[in-house]
Structures are given as structure tokens and as C-alpha cells.
Amino acid sequence: MGLKSKPDFKFPMHDTHLHKSLRNLRVACVLALIAPVCLYVFHNAPRKAKYKTFYSQYDPMDAFERMMSGGYLSSCPPGSGAKK
């Protein structure tokens, strides 16, 4: 009777569903933490910067005069504005 050698690797028969579920849970938690950060950095922060630059240079009276001279305002017909 010779000694039988054991195989080096045994396929895991226990808790495979548990391990897969825990791995999926870890991945979901990491993605739930990373996704809002990426959304803020790549979408919201550039948008806020664009709004900041736009409103720092915005002149509402100039925009009103352009709308008035273009005939977009029914209460102010074209040519009724103040003359420069």
C-alpha cells in the first residue's frame, strides 16, 4: 500500500455564494463612494466655474438693451430705448 499524494489545490466547495456576495457588496460600496466624487469633480466643479466667470462679466442692462433693440420685448418696441 503506497501513500497517495494529496492534490495541491482543492476547489472551494463551501461558502462560494457567500464570498461572491461579499465581493459584490464591497464593489458596490466602493462605487457608491467614488461615483459622487467623480460627478462633483468632472461635472459640477467645472460648471460652477463657468457660472462664476459668466456672472462676473454679466451686465444685465446691456442684455436688456440688446433684447429691447432686437424687438424681443413686447412692452418695449424697437427704437423706444434710451439713446446713447
PDB file of N, CA and C in Angstrom:
ATOM      1  N   MET A   1       0.825  -1.177   0.000  1.00  0.00           N
ATOM      2  CA  MET A   1       0.000   0.000   0.000  1.00  0.00           C
ATOM      3  C   MET A   1       0.869   1.239   0.000  1.00  0.00           C
ATOM      4  N   GLY A   2       0.790   1.943  -1.088  1.00  0.00           N
ATOM      5  CA  GLY A   2       1.584   3.158  -1.211  1.00  0.00           C
ATOM      6  C   GLY A   2       0.816   4.364  -0.663  1.00  0.00           C
ATOM      7  N   LEU A   3       1.561   5.381  -0.318  1.00  0.00           N
ATOM      8  CA  LEU A   3       0.935   6.610   0.158  1.00  0.00           C
ATOM      9  C   LEU A   3       0.453   7.423  -1.039  1.00  0.00           C
ATOM     10  N   LYS A   4      -0.765   7.852  -0.949  1.00  0.00           N
ATOM     11  CA  LYS A   4      -1.316   8.670  -2.030  1.00  0.00           C
ATOM     12  C   LYS A   4      -1.009  10.128  -1.733  1.00  0.00           C
ATOM     13  N   SER A   5      -0.565  10.835  -2.741  1.00  0.00           N
ATOM     14  CA  SER A   5      -0.276  12.255  -2.537  1.00  0.00           C
ATOM     15  C   SER A   5      -1.566  13.057  -2.711  1.00  0.00           C
ATOM     16  N   LYS A   6      -1.714  14.056  -1.869  1.00  0.00           N
ATOM     17  CA  LYS A   6      -2.898  14.902  -1.945  1.00  0.00           C
ATOM     18  C   LYS A   6      -2.693  15.935  -3.048  1.00  0.00           C
ATOM     19  N   PRO A   7      -3.773  16.325  -3.705  1.00  0.00           N
ATOM     20  CA  PRO A   7      -3.627  17.386  -4.705  1.00  0.00           C
ATOM     21  C   PRO A   7      -3.276  18.710  -4.014  1.00  0.00           C
ATOM     22  N   ASP A   8      -2.525  19.531  -4.728  1.00  0.00           N
ATOM     23  CA  ASP A   8      -2.080  20.793  -4.153  1.00  0.00           C
ATOM     24  C   ASP A   8      -3.235  21.777  -3.949  1.00  0.00           C
ATOM     25  N   PHE A   9      -4.218  21.716  -4.813  1.00  0.00           N
ATOM     26  CA  PHE A   9      -5.296  22.701  -4.745  1.00  0.00           C
ATOM     27  C   PHE A   9      -6.633  21.985  -4.714  1.00  0.00           C
ATOM     28  N   LYS A  10      -7.474  22.433  -3.811  1.00  0.00           N
ATOM     29  CA  LYS A  10      -8.833  21.905  -3.758  1.00  0.00           C
ATOM     30  C   LYS A  10      -9.788  23.023  -4.146  1.00  0.00           C
ATOM     31  N   PHE A  11     -10.726  22.711  -4.974  1.00  0.00           N
ATOM     32  CA  PHE A  11     -11.732  23.695  -5.342  1.00  0.00           C
ATOM     33  C   PHE A  11     -12.597  23.984  -4.123  1.00  0.00           C
ATOM     34  N   PRO A  12     -12.822  25.266  -3.813  1.00  0.00           N
ATOM     35  CA  PRO A  12     -13.612  25.585  -2.619  1.00  0.00           C
ATOM     36  C   PRO A  12     -15.077  25.185  -2.811  1.00  0.00           C
ATOM     37  N   MET A  13     -15.528  24.318  -1.976  1.00  0.00           N
ATOM     38  CA  MET A  13     -16.898  23.831  -2.075  1.00  0.00           C
ATOM     39  C   MET A  13     -17.826  24.533  -1.089  1.00  0.00           C
ATOM     40  N   HIS A  14     -17.250  25.232  -0.140  1.00  0.00           N
ATOM     41  CA  HIS A  14     -18.063  25.854   0.903  1.00  0.00           C
ATOM     42  C   HIS A  14     -18.108  27.363   0.696  1.00  0.00           C
ATOM     43  N   ASP A  15     -19.226  27.957   0.958  1.00  0.00           N
ATOM     44  CA  ASP A  15     -19.403  29.402   1.028  1.00  0.00           C
ATOM     45  C   ASP A  15     -19.041  30.152  -0.255  1.00  0.00           C
ATOM     46  N   THR A  16     -19.140  29.524  -1.411  1.00  0.00           N
ATOM     47  CA  THR A  16     -18.818  30.257  -2.638  1.00  0.00           C
ATOM     48  C   THR A  16     -19.837  31.367  -2.889  1.00  0.00           C
ATOM     49  N   HIS A  17     -21.096  31.093  -2.619  1.00  0.00           N
ATOM     50  CA  HIS A  17     -22.120  32.130  -2.798  1.00  0.00           C
ATOM     51  C   HIS A  17     -21.881  33.278  -1.819  1.00  0.00           C
ATOM     52  N   LEU A  18     -21.523  32.958  -0.598  1.00  0.00           N
ATOM     53  CA  LEU A  18     -21.252  33.987   0.406  1.00  0.00           C
ATOM     54  C   LEU A  18     -20.080  34.863  -0.015  1.00  0.00           C
ATOM     55  N   HIS A  19     -19.005  34.257  -0.493  1.00  0.00           N
ATOM     56  CA  HIS A  19     -17.825  35.029  -0.891  1.00  0.00           C
ATOM     57  C   HIS A  19     -18.126  35.914  -2.107  1.00  0.00           C
ATOM     58  N   LYS A  20     -18.874  35.389  -3.062  1.00  0.00           N
ATOM     59  CA  LYS A  20     -19.239  36.208  -4.221  1.00  0.00           C
ATOM     60  C   LYS A  20     -20.142  37.368  -3.810  1.00  0.00           C
ATOM     61  N   SER A  21     -21.067  37.099  -2.909  1.00  0.00           N
ATOM     62  CA  SER A  21     -21.965  38.163  -2.445  1.00  0.00           C
ATOM     63  C   SER A  21     -21.203  39.234  -1.683  1.00  0.00           C
ATOM     64  N   LEU A  22     -20.271  38.833  -0.843  1.00  0.00           N
ATOM     65  CA  LEU A  22     -19.475  39.807  -0.094  1.00  0.00           C
ATOM     66  C   LEU A  22     -18.584  40.623  -1.026  1.00  0.00           C
ATOM     67  N   ARG A  23     -18.019  39.982  -2.051  1.00  0.00           N
ATOM     68  CA  ARG A  23     -17.211  40.716  -3.022  1.00  0.00           C
ATOM     69  C   ARG A  23     -18.068  41.732  -3.779  1.00  0.00           C
ATOM     70  N   ASN A  24     -19.257  41.316  -4.193  1.00  0.00           N
ATOM     71  CA  ASN A  24     -20.157  42.243  -4.883  1.00  0.00           C
ATOM     72  C   ASN A  24     -20.571  43.394  -3.977  1.00  0.00           C
ATOM     73  N   LEU A  25     -20.762  43.111  -2.702  1.00  0.00           N
ATOM     74  CA  LEU A  25     -21.122  44.158  -1.748  1.00  0.00           C
ATOM     75  C   LEU A  25     -19.978  45.148  -1.575  1.00  0.00           C
ATOM     76  N   ARG A  26     -18.753  44.653  -1.500  1.00  0.00           N
ATOM     77  CA  ARG A  26     -17.592  45.544  -1.387  1.00  0.00           C
ATOM     78  C   ARG A  26     -17.461  46.430  -2.625  1.00  0.00           C
ATOM     79  N   VAL A  27     -17.612  45.845  -3.792  1.00  0.00           N
ATOM     80  CA  VAL A  27     -17.516  46.619  -5.039  1.00  0.00           C
ATOM     81  C   VAL A  27     -18.617  47.671  -5.095  1.00  0.00           C
ATOM     82  N   ALA A  28     -19.821  47.309  -4.695  1.00  0.00           N
ATOM     83  CA  ALA A  28     -20.931  48.259  -4.713  1.00  0.00           C
ATOM     84  C   ALA A  28     -20.681  49.413  -3.746  1.00  0.00           C
ATOM     85  N   CYS A  29     -20.140  49.117  -2.572  1.00  0.00           N
ATOM     86  CA  CYS A  29     -19.853  50.184  -1.598  1.00  0.00           C
ATOM     87  C   CYS A  29     -18.766  51.116  -2.110  1.00  0.00           C
ATOM     88  N   VAL A  30     -17.732  50.565  -2.706  1.00  0.00           N
ATOM     89  CA  VAL A  30     -16.647  51.400  -3.232  1.00  0.00           C
ATOM     90  C   VAL A  30     -17.167  52.284  -4.364  1.00  0.00           C
ATOM     91  N   LEU A  31     -17.948  51.719  -5.255  1.00  0.00           N
ATOM     92  CA  LEU A  31     -18.501  52.514  -6.355  1.00  0.00           C
ATOM     93  C   LEU A  31     -19.483  53.569  -5.855  1.00  0.00           C
ATOM     94  N   ALA A  32     -20.221  53.246  -4.798  1.00  0.00           N
ATOM     95  CA  ALA A  32     -21.154  54.225  -4.239  1.00  0.00           C
ATOM     96  C   ALA A  32     -20.412  55.390  -3.599  1.00  0.00           C
ATOM     97  N   LEU A  33     -19.197  55.166  -3.146  1.00  0.00           N
ATOM     98  CA  LEU A  33     -18.400  56.251  -2.579  1.00  0.00           C
ATOM     99  C   LEU A  33     -17.654  57.034  -3.652  1.00  0.00           C
ATOM    100  N   ILE A  34     -17.226  56.363  -4.702  1.00  0.00           N
ATOM    101  CA  ILE A  34     -16.419  57.016  -5.733  1.00  0.00           C
ATOM    102  C   ILE A  34     -17.281  57.794  -6.732  1.00  0.00           C
ATOM    103  N   ALA A  35     -18.452  57.294  -7.064  1.00  0.00           N
ATOM    104  CA  ALA A  35     -19.285  57.915  -8.099  1.00  0.00           C
ATOM    105  C   ALA A  35     -19.659  59.366  -7.788  1.00  0.00           C
ATOM    106  N   PRO A  36     -20.104  59.704  -6.577  1.00  0.00           N
ATOM    107  CA  PRO A  36     -20.421  61.118  -6.323  1.00  0.00           C
ATOM    108  C   PRO A  36     -19.200  62.027  -6.376  1.00  0.00           C
ATOM    109  N   VAL A  37     -18.057  61.514  -5.965  1.00  0.00           N
ATOM    110  CA  VAL A  37     -16.832  62.320  -6.028  1.00  0.00           C
ATOM    111  C   VAL A  37     -16.478  62.609  -7.483  1.00  0.00           C
ATOM    112  N   CYS A  38     -16.552  61.595  -8.327  1.00  0.00           N
ATOM    113  CA  CYS A  38     -16.262  61.796  -9.753  1.00  0.00           C
ATOM    114  C   CYS A  38     -17.277  62.745 -10.389  1.00  0.00           C
ATOM    115  N   LEU A  39     -18.542  62.630 -10.023  1.00  0.00           N
ATOM    116  CA  LEU A  39     -19.560  63.527 -10.560  1.00  0.00           C
ATOM    117  C   LEU A  39     -19.264  64.966 -10.174  1.00  0.00           C
ATOM    118  N   TYR A  40     -18.877  65.186  -8.925  1.00  0.00           N
ATOM    119  CA  TYR A  40     -18.586  66.550  -8.489  1.00  0.00           C
ATOM    120  C   TYR A  40     -17.358  67.102  -9.203  1.00  0.00           C
ATOM    121  N   VAL A  41     -16.292  66.297  -9.265  1.00  0.00           N
ATOM    122  CA  VAL A  41     -15.031  66.785  -9.830  1.00  0.00           C
ATOM    123  C   VAL A  41     -15.145  67.031 -11.326  1.00  0.00           C
ATOM    124  N   PHE A  42     -15.786  66.126 -12.051  1.00  0.00           N
ATOM    125  CA  PHE A  42     -15.796  66.217 -13.512  1.00  0.00           C
ATOM    126  C   PHE A  42     -17.021  66.921 -14.088  1.00  0.00           C
ATOM    127  N   HIS A  43     -18.075  67.111 -13.300  1.00  0.00           N
ATOM    128  CA  HIS A  43     -19.271  67.752 -13.837  1.00  0.00           C
ATOM    129  C   HIS A  43     -19.612  69.043 -13.103  1.00  0.00           C
ATOM    130  N   ASN A  44     -19.780  68.953 -11.790  1.00  0.00           N
ATOM    131  CA  ASN A  44     -20.272  70.114 -11.047  1.00  0.00           C
ATOM    132  C   ASN A  44     -19.232  71.210 -10.872  1.00  0.00           C
ATOM    133  N   ALA A  45     -17.995  70.871 -10.578  1.00  0.00           N
ATOM    134  CA  ALA A  45     -16.971  71.902 -10.350  1.00  0.00           C
ATOM    135  C   ALA A  45     -16.704  72.733 -11.615  1.00  0.00           C
ATOM    136  N   PRO A  46     -16.537  72.117 -12.802  1.00  0.00           N
ATOM    137  CA  PRO A  46     -16.374  72.950 -13.999  1.00  0.00           C
ATOM    138  C   PRO A  46     -17.609  73.801 -14.299  1.00  0.00           C
ATOM    139  N   ARG A  47     -18.774  73.271 -14.014  1.00  0.00           N
ATOM    140  CA  ARG A  47     -19.998  74.025 -14.256  1.00  0.00           C
ATOM    141  C   ARG A  47     -20.077  75.242 -13.337  1.00  0.00           C
ATOM    142  N   LYS A  48     -19.702  75.052 -12.076  1.00  0.00           N
ATOM    143  CA  LYS A  48     -19.684  76.179 -11.143  1.00  0.00           C
ATOM    144  C   LYS A  48     -18.683  77.235 -11.585  1.00  0.00           C
ATOM    145  N   ALA A  49     -17.542  76.796 -12.098  1.00  0.00           N
ATOM    146  CA  ALA A  49     -16.530  77.757 -12.562  1.00  0.00           C
ATOM    147  C   ALA A  49     -17.043  78.544 -13.769  1.00  0.00           C
ATOM    148  N   LYS A  50     -17.750  77.874 -14.672  1.00  0.00           N
ATOM    149  CA  LYS A  50     -18.311  78.572 -15.837  1.00  0.00           C
ATOM    150  C   LYS A  50     -19.354  79.599 -15.414  1.00  0.00           C
ATOM    151  N   TYR A  51     -20.213  79.234 -14.475  1.00  0.00           N
ATOM    152  CA  TYR A  51     -21.204  80.191 -13.971  1.00  0.00           C
ATOM    153  C   TYR A  51     -20.522  81.373 -13.304  1.00  0.00           C
ATOM    154  N   LYS A  52     -19.462  81.102 -12.546  1.00  0.00           N
ATOM    155  CA  LYS A  52     -18.762  82.178 -11.848  1.00  0.00           C
ATOM    156  C   LYS A  52     -18.161  83.165 -12.839  1.00  0.00           C
ATOM    157  N   THR A  53     -17.524  82.673 -13.889  1.00  0.00           N
ATOM    158  CA  THR A  53     -16.931  83.578 -14.878  1.00  0.00           C
ATOM    159  C   THR A  53     -18.013  84.313 -15.669  1.00  0.00           C
ATOM    160  N   PHE A  54     -19.117  83.638 -15.968  1.00  0.00           N
ATOM    161  CA  PHE A  54     -20.185  84.296 -16.725  1.00  0.00           C
ATOM    162  C   PHE A  54     -20.792  85.439 -15.926  1.00  0.00           C
ATOM    163  N   TYR A  55     -21.148  85.181 -14.679  1.00  0.00           N
ATOM    164  CA  TYR A  55     -21.819  86.213 -13.892  1.00  0.00           C
ATOM    165  C   TYR A  55     -20.868  87.278 -13.372  1.00  0.00           C
ATOM    166  N   SER A  56     -19.574  87.030 -13.387  1.00  0.00           N
ATOM    167  CA  SER A  56     -18.644  88.097 -13.009  1.00  0.00           C
ATOM    168  C   SER A  56     -18.520  89.129 -14.133  1.00  0.00           C
ATOM    169  N   GLN A  57     -18.806  88.721 -15.373  1.00  0.00           N
ATOM    170  CA  GLN A  57     -18.708  89.629 -16.515  1.00  0.00           C
ATOM    171  C   GLN A  57     -20.078  90.045 -17.053  1.00  0.00           C
ATOM    172  N   TYR A  58     -21.157  89.602 -16.433  1.00  0.00           N
ATOM    173  CA  TYR A  58     -22.511  89.828 -16.948  1.00  0.00           C
ATOM    174  C   TYR A  58     -22.988  91.242 -16.629  1.00  0.00           C
ATOM    175  N   ASP A  59     -23.528  91.909 -17.639  1.00  0.00           N
ATOM    176  CA  ASP A  59     -24.107  93.237 -17.461  1.00  0.00           C
ATOM    177  C   ASP A  59     -25.593  93.146 -17.823  1.00  0.00           C
ATOM    178  N   PRO A  60     -26.487  93.169 -16.829  1.00  0.00           N
ATOM    179  CA  PRO A  60     -27.909  92.983 -17.138  1.00  0.00           C
ATOM    180  C   PRO A  60     -28.497  94.118 -17.967  1.00  0.00           C
ATOM    181  N   MET A  61     -28.019  95.326 -17.786  1.00  0.00           N
ATOM    182  CA  MET A  61     -28.567  96.440 -18.570  1.00  0.00           C
ATOM    183  C   MET A  61     -28.180  96.319 -20.043  1.00  0.00           C
ATOM    184  N   ASP A  62     -26.974  95.845 -20.307  1.00  0.00           N
ATOM    185  CA  ASP A  62     -26.552  95.633 -21.692  1.00  0.00           C
ATOM    186  C   ASP A  62     -27.413  94.552 -22.343  1.00  0.00           C
ATOM    187  N   ALA A  63     -27.677  93.470 -21.600  1.00  0.00           N
ATOM    188  CA  ALA A  63     -28.525  92.408 -22.135  1.00  0.00           C
ATOM    189  C   ALA A  63     -29.946  92.911 -22.369  1.00  0.00           C
ATOM    190  N   PHE A  64     -30.457  93.735 -21.459  1.00  0.00           N
ATOM    191  CA  PHE A  64     -31.801  94.300 -21.622  1.00  0.00           C
ATOM    192  C   PHE A  64     -31.865  95.183 -22.860  1.00  0.00           C
ATOM    193  N   GLU A  65     -30.843  95.992 -23.074  1.00  0.00           N
ATOM    194  CA  GLU A  65     -30.825  96.870 -24.248  1.00  0.00           C
ATOM    195  C   GLU A  65     -30.735  96.069 -25.542  1.00  0.00           C
ATOM    196  N   ARG A  66     -29.990  94.972 -25.533  1.00  0.00           N
ATOM    197  CA  ARG A  66     -29.922  94.117 -26.727  1.00  0.00           C
ATOM    198  C   ARG A  66     -31.276  93.486 -27.015  1.00  0.00           C
ATOM    199  N   MET A  67     -31.974  93.027 -25.980  1.00  0.00           N
ATOM    200  CA  MET A  67     -33.300  92.441 -26.184  1.00  0.00           C
ATOM    201  C   MET A  67     -34.296  93.495 -26.652  1.00  0.00           C
ATOM    202  N   MET A  68     -34.188  94.698 -26.102  1.00  0.00           N
ATOM    203  CA  MET A  68     -35.100  95.772 -26.476  1.00  0.00           C
ATOM    204  C   MET A  68     -34.858  96.204 -27.922  1.00  0.00           C
ATOM    205  N   SER A  69     -33.605  96.348 -28.319  1.00  0.00           N
ATOM    206  CA  SER A  69     -33.312  96.781 -29.688  1.00  0.00           C
ATOM    207  C   SER A  69     -33.603  95.682 -30.703  1.00  0.00           C
ATOM    208  N   GLY A  70     -33.589  94.443 -30.281  1.00  0.00           N
ATOM    209  CA  GLY A  70     -33.894  93.343 -31.192  1.00  0.00           C
ATOM    210  C   GLY A  70     -35.374  93.092 -31.364  1.00  0.00           C
ATOM    211  N   GLY A  71     -36.206  93.742 -30.542  1.00  0.00           N
ATOM    212  CA  GLY A  71     -37.646  93.556 -30.673  1.00  0.00           C
ATOM    213  C   GLY A  71     -38.171  92.332 -29.949  1.00  0.00           C
ATOM    214  N   TYR A  72     -37.449  91.825 -28.975  1.00  0.00           N
ATOM    215  CA  TYR A  72     -37.883  90.637 -28.249  1.00  0.00           C
ATOM    216  C   TYR A  72     -38.858  90.962 -27.124  1.00  0.00           C
ATOM    217  N   LEU A  73     -38.936  92.210 -26.706  1.00  0.00           N
ATOM    218  CA  LEU A  73     -39.813  92.597 -25.605  1.00  0.00           C
ATOM    219  C   LEU A  73     -41.036  93.301 -26.166  1.00  0.00           C
ATOM    220  N   SER A  74     -42.222  92.758 -25.879  1.00  0.00           N
ATOM    221  CA  SER A  74     -43.443  93.364 -26.420  1.00  0.00           C
ATOM    222  C   SER A  74     -43.761  94.692 -25.739  1.00  0.00           C
ATOM    223  N   SER A  75     -43.296  94.875 -24.511  1.00  0.00           N
ATOM    224  CA  SER A  75     -43.572  96.134 -23.807  1.00  0.00           C
ATOM    225  C   SER A  75     -42.644  97.258 -24.255  1.00  0.00           C
ATOM    226  N   CYS A  76     -41.563  96.919 -24.937  1.00  0.00           N
ATOM    227  CA  CYS A  76     -40.605  97.926 -25.419  1.00  0.00           C
ATOM    228  C   CYS A  76     -40.382  97.699 -26.909  1.00  0.00           C
ATOM    229  N   PRO A  77     -41.103  98.405 -27.775  1.00  0.00           N
ATOM    230  CA  PRO A  77     -40.895  98.226 -29.211  1.00  0.00           C
ATOM    231  C   PRO A  77     -39.495  98.676 -29.620  1.00  0.00           C
ATOM    232  N   PRO A  78     -38.986  98.167 -30.744  1.00  0.00           N
ATOM    233  CA  PRO A  78     -37.642  98.547 -31.180  1.00  0.00           C
ATOM    234  C   PRO A  78     -37.526 100.050 -31.387  1.00  0.00           C
ATOM    235  N   GLY A  79     -36.432 100.612 -30.905  1.00  0.00           N
ATOM    236  CA  GLY A  79     -36.180 102.033 -31.074  1.00  0.00           C
ATOM    237  C   GLY A  79     -36.753 102.897 -29.971  1.00  0.00           C
ATOM    238  N   SER A  80     -37.411 102.286 -28.968  1.00  0.00           N
ATOM    239  CA  SER A  80     -38.009 103.098 -27.904  1.00  0.00           C
ATOM    240  C   SER A  80     -37.072 103.279 -26.716  1.00  0.00           C
ATOM    241  N   GLY A  81     -35.910 102.682 -26.763  1.00  0.00           N
ATOM    242  CA  GLY A  81     -34.988 102.755 -25.636  1.00  0.00           C
ATOM    243  C   GLY A  81     -34.248 104.068 -25.577  1.00  0.00           C
ATOM    244  N   ALA A  82     -33.455 104.201 -24.533  1.00  0.00           N
ATOM    245  CA  ALA A  82     -32.655 105.416 -24.358  1.00  0.00           C
ATOM    246  C   ALA A  82     -31.574 105.471 -25.425  1.00  0.00           C
ATOM    247  N   LYS A  83     -31.350 106.625 -25.951  1.00  0.00           N
ATOM    248  CA  LYS A  83     -30.329 106.810 -26.990  1.00  0.00           C
ATOM    249  C   LYS A  83     -28.976 107.028 -26.333  1.00  0.00           C
ATOM    250  N   LYS A  84     -27.970 106.405 -26.884  1.00  0.00           N
ATOM    251  CA  LYS A  84     -26.616 106.556 -26.341  1.00  0.00           C
ATOM    252  C   LYS A  84     -25.884 107.644 -27.047  1.00  0.00           C
TER     253      LYS A  84
END
